Protein backbone atom coordinates (compact mmCIF):
# COMPACT_ATOMS: atom_id res chain seq x y z
CA MET A 1 -289.93 71.66 -74.87
CA ARG A 2 -286.41 71.47 -73.16
CA HIS A 3 -287.51 74.43 -71.01
CA HIS A 4 -290.92 72.89 -70.23
CA SER A 5 -291.45 74.02 -66.46
CA LYS A 6 -293.35 70.86 -65.49
CA ARG A 7 -290.50 68.66 -66.88
CA LEU A 8 -287.79 70.54 -65.30
CA GLU A 9 -289.56 70.68 -61.88
CA ARG A 10 -289.84 66.87 -61.99
CA LEU A 11 -286.33 66.53 -62.93
CA LYS A 12 -285.44 68.74 -59.94
CA GLN A 13 -287.51 66.78 -57.43
CA LEU A 14 -285.65 63.46 -58.57
CA MET A 15 -282.43 65.17 -57.10
CA ILE A 16 -280.19 63.20 -59.56
CA LEU A 17 -278.20 65.83 -61.48
CA GLU A 18 -274.59 65.99 -60.39
CA THR A 19 -274.93 62.70 -58.38
CA PRO A 20 -271.91 60.37 -58.47
CA PRO A 21 -272.09 57.44 -60.61
CA GLU A 22 -274.03 54.34 -59.22
CA ALA A 23 -273.32 50.52 -60.05
CA ALA A 24 -277.10 49.94 -60.79
CA TYR A 25 -277.05 52.51 -63.72
CA ASP A 26 -273.55 51.73 -64.92
CA ASP A 27 -274.48 47.92 -65.07
CA LEU A 28 -277.56 48.69 -67.27
CA THR A 29 -275.70 51.17 -69.49
CA ARG A 30 -272.90 48.36 -69.88
CA ALA A 31 -275.63 45.87 -70.77
CA LEU A 32 -276.99 48.11 -73.45
CA ALA A 33 -273.59 48.58 -74.98
CA ASP A 34 -272.73 44.88 -75.02
CA GLY A 35 -276.17 43.90 -76.10
CA LEU A 36 -276.09 46.06 -79.12
CA GLY A 37 -272.31 45.64 -79.53
CA VAL A 38 -271.76 49.28 -79.70
CA PRO A 39 -268.85 51.46 -78.26
CA ILE A 40 -271.02 54.22 -76.66
CA ALA A 41 -273.86 53.96 -74.18
CA MET A 42 -275.42 56.40 -71.59
CA VAL A 43 -278.14 57.25 -69.31
CA ASN A 44 -278.72 60.77 -70.28
CA ILE A 45 -280.45 63.38 -68.02
CA LEU A 46 -282.01 66.40 -70.08
CA ASP A 47 -281.99 69.43 -68.17
CA GLN A 48 -282.61 73.00 -69.39
CA HIS A 49 -279.08 73.71 -71.13
CA ARG A 50 -277.33 70.33 -71.40
CA ASP A 51 -277.42 66.69 -71.39
CA TRP A 52 -275.98 65.17 -68.20
CA PHE A 53 -274.74 61.59 -68.20
CA LYS A 54 -275.74 59.85 -65.07
CA SER A 55 -273.94 56.75 -66.46
CA VAL A 56 -271.44 56.62 -69.68
CA VAL A 57 -269.66 53.99 -71.41
CA GLY A 58 -267.00 54.83 -74.08
CA LEU A 59 -266.80 58.58 -73.51
CA PRO A 60 -264.70 60.60 -71.03
CA LEU A 61 -267.40 63.13 -70.94
CA ARG A 62 -270.10 63.64 -68.12
CA GLU A 63 -272.24 66.01 -70.05
CA SER A 64 -272.77 67.75 -73.61
CA SER A 65 -274.58 70.74 -74.79
CA ALA A 66 -278.26 70.60 -75.60
CA ALA A 67 -277.23 72.00 -79.01
CA THR A 68 -275.68 68.63 -79.90
CA SER A 69 -278.05 66.34 -78.36
CA PHE A 70 -279.56 63.52 -80.47
CA CYS A 71 -281.97 62.95 -77.43
CA GLU A 72 -283.66 66.18 -78.29
CA VAL A 73 -285.85 63.97 -80.65
CA PHE A 74 -287.69 62.71 -77.50
CA LEU A 75 -288.81 66.28 -76.74
CA GLN A 76 -290.49 66.41 -80.27
CA THR A 77 -292.23 63.16 -80.46
CA GLU A 78 -294.21 60.92 -78.45
CA ASP A 79 -292.33 57.63 -79.44
CA ASP A 80 -290.72 55.66 -76.60
CA LEU A 81 -288.08 54.12 -78.63
CA VAL A 82 -285.89 55.52 -81.36
CA VAL A 83 -283.64 53.58 -83.54
CA ALA A 84 -281.86 55.06 -86.35
CA GLU A 85 -279.67 52.23 -87.98
CA ASP A 86 -278.03 54.68 -90.27
CA THR A 87 -278.19 58.35 -89.10
CA ALA A 88 -276.76 59.47 -92.37
CA GLN A 89 -280.03 58.15 -94.17
CA ASP A 90 -282.38 59.11 -91.31
CA PRO A 91 -284.10 62.81 -91.91
CA ARG A 92 -283.99 63.21 -88.14
CA PHE A 93 -280.44 63.10 -87.82
CA ALA A 94 -278.73 63.34 -91.24
CA ALA A 95 -278.02 67.08 -90.99
CA HIS A 96 -276.81 66.80 -87.05
CA PRO A 97 -273.33 68.16 -86.76
CA MET A 98 -272.18 64.97 -85.17
CA VAL A 99 -273.18 62.86 -88.07
CA THR A 100 -272.01 65.26 -90.71
CA GLY A 101 -268.77 65.97 -88.77
CA GLU A 102 -266.58 64.38 -85.92
CA PRO A 103 -267.16 61.69 -84.55
CA HIS A 104 -269.42 60.93 -87.50
CA ILE A 105 -272.14 59.07 -85.64
CA ARG A 106 -273.99 56.63 -87.70
CA PHE A 107 -276.10 54.67 -85.39
CA TYR A 108 -278.38 56.01 -82.47
CA ALA A 109 -280.84 53.90 -80.51
CA ALA A 110 -282.59 55.21 -77.45
CA ALA A 111 -285.49 54.43 -75.04
CA ARG A 112 -287.38 57.57 -73.63
CA LEU A 113 -287.01 57.85 -69.61
CA VAL A 114 -290.28 58.95 -68.21
CA VAL A 115 -291.12 59.60 -64.47
CA ASP A 116 -294.87 60.75 -64.03
CA GLY A 117 -295.44 61.72 -67.41
CA GLN A 118 -292.58 63.91 -67.79
CA THR A 119 -289.46 63.02 -70.09
CA ILE A 120 -286.43 63.44 -68.04
CA GLY A 121 -284.02 61.53 -70.21
CA THR A 122 -282.97 58.78 -72.17
CA LEU A 123 -281.05 55.28 -72.04
CA CYS A 124 -279.10 55.61 -75.38
CA ALA A 125 -276.46 54.14 -77.66
CA TYR A 126 -274.35 55.08 -80.34
CA ASP A 127 -271.69 53.68 -82.96
CA THR A 128 -269.63 55.38 -85.63
CA GLN A 129 -270.93 52.42 -88.05
CA PRO A 130 -274.44 51.65 -89.13
CA GLN A 131 -275.94 48.96 -87.27
CA THR A 132 -279.04 46.48 -88.02
CA VAL A 133 -280.91 45.86 -85.15
CA SER A 134 -283.28 42.91 -84.81
CA PRO A 135 -286.77 43.07 -82.89
CA GLU A 136 -285.18 41.13 -79.99
CA LYS A 137 -282.47 43.99 -79.61
CA VAL A 138 -285.31 46.67 -79.78
CA ALA A 139 -287.21 44.61 -76.93
CA GLU A 140 -283.96 44.56 -75.11
CA LEU A 141 -283.54 48.23 -75.32
CA LYS A 142 -287.18 48.70 -73.99
CA VAL A 143 -286.59 46.27 -71.00
CA LEU A 144 -283.39 47.97 -70.02
CA GLY A 145 -284.91 51.48 -70.30
CA ASP A 146 -287.80 50.11 -68.23
CA ALA A 147 -284.98 49.08 -65.51
CA VAL A 148 -283.50 52.66 -65.62
CA MET A 149 -286.88 54.19 -65.03
CA GLU A 150 -287.44 51.78 -62.07
CA LEU A 151 -284.19 53.18 -60.59
CA LEU A 152 -285.40 56.70 -61.01
CA ARG A 153 -288.74 56.09 -59.38
CA LYS A 154 -287.11 54.50 -56.34
CA ARG A 155 -284.86 57.66 -55.78
CA ASP A 156 -288.25 59.70 -56.08
CA VAL A 157 -288.56 62.17 -52.98
CA SER A 158 -291.38 64.27 -54.68
CA PRO A 159 -294.45 64.92 -52.53
CA GLU A 160 -297.33 62.41 -52.81
């Protein structure tokens, strides 16, 4: 699914890859990290071979390989939100190399970012400790994800 042509074409039309950081995205990423009390959060754009970070808190990286992507789960499910309170106990992630090895990710929460029916990324958060997430925090994740999608729609330059 990562190579799905309609998804990649929609991503190309957004012209977001390799753009500089923007305060609006950074504010939402920071709000997610603070709201969940986690050290790592990002707006993650899923291109053909990598996850590119439009915004990132807690990591000195701007991208990672598709081979190590937690967000790949969104290309295999129709769920809009994924919360794994303990990744080591979650069958979707228990064998993931970043769970079984460094940095030993134990918590993952993400909202799917969709533009015109195409999954183009996620707003996601990570921790090296398991977390318990209240229904209110899950609702906050959805609200922040919706805000990121609105920012993406505003930059849309696709033909009508």
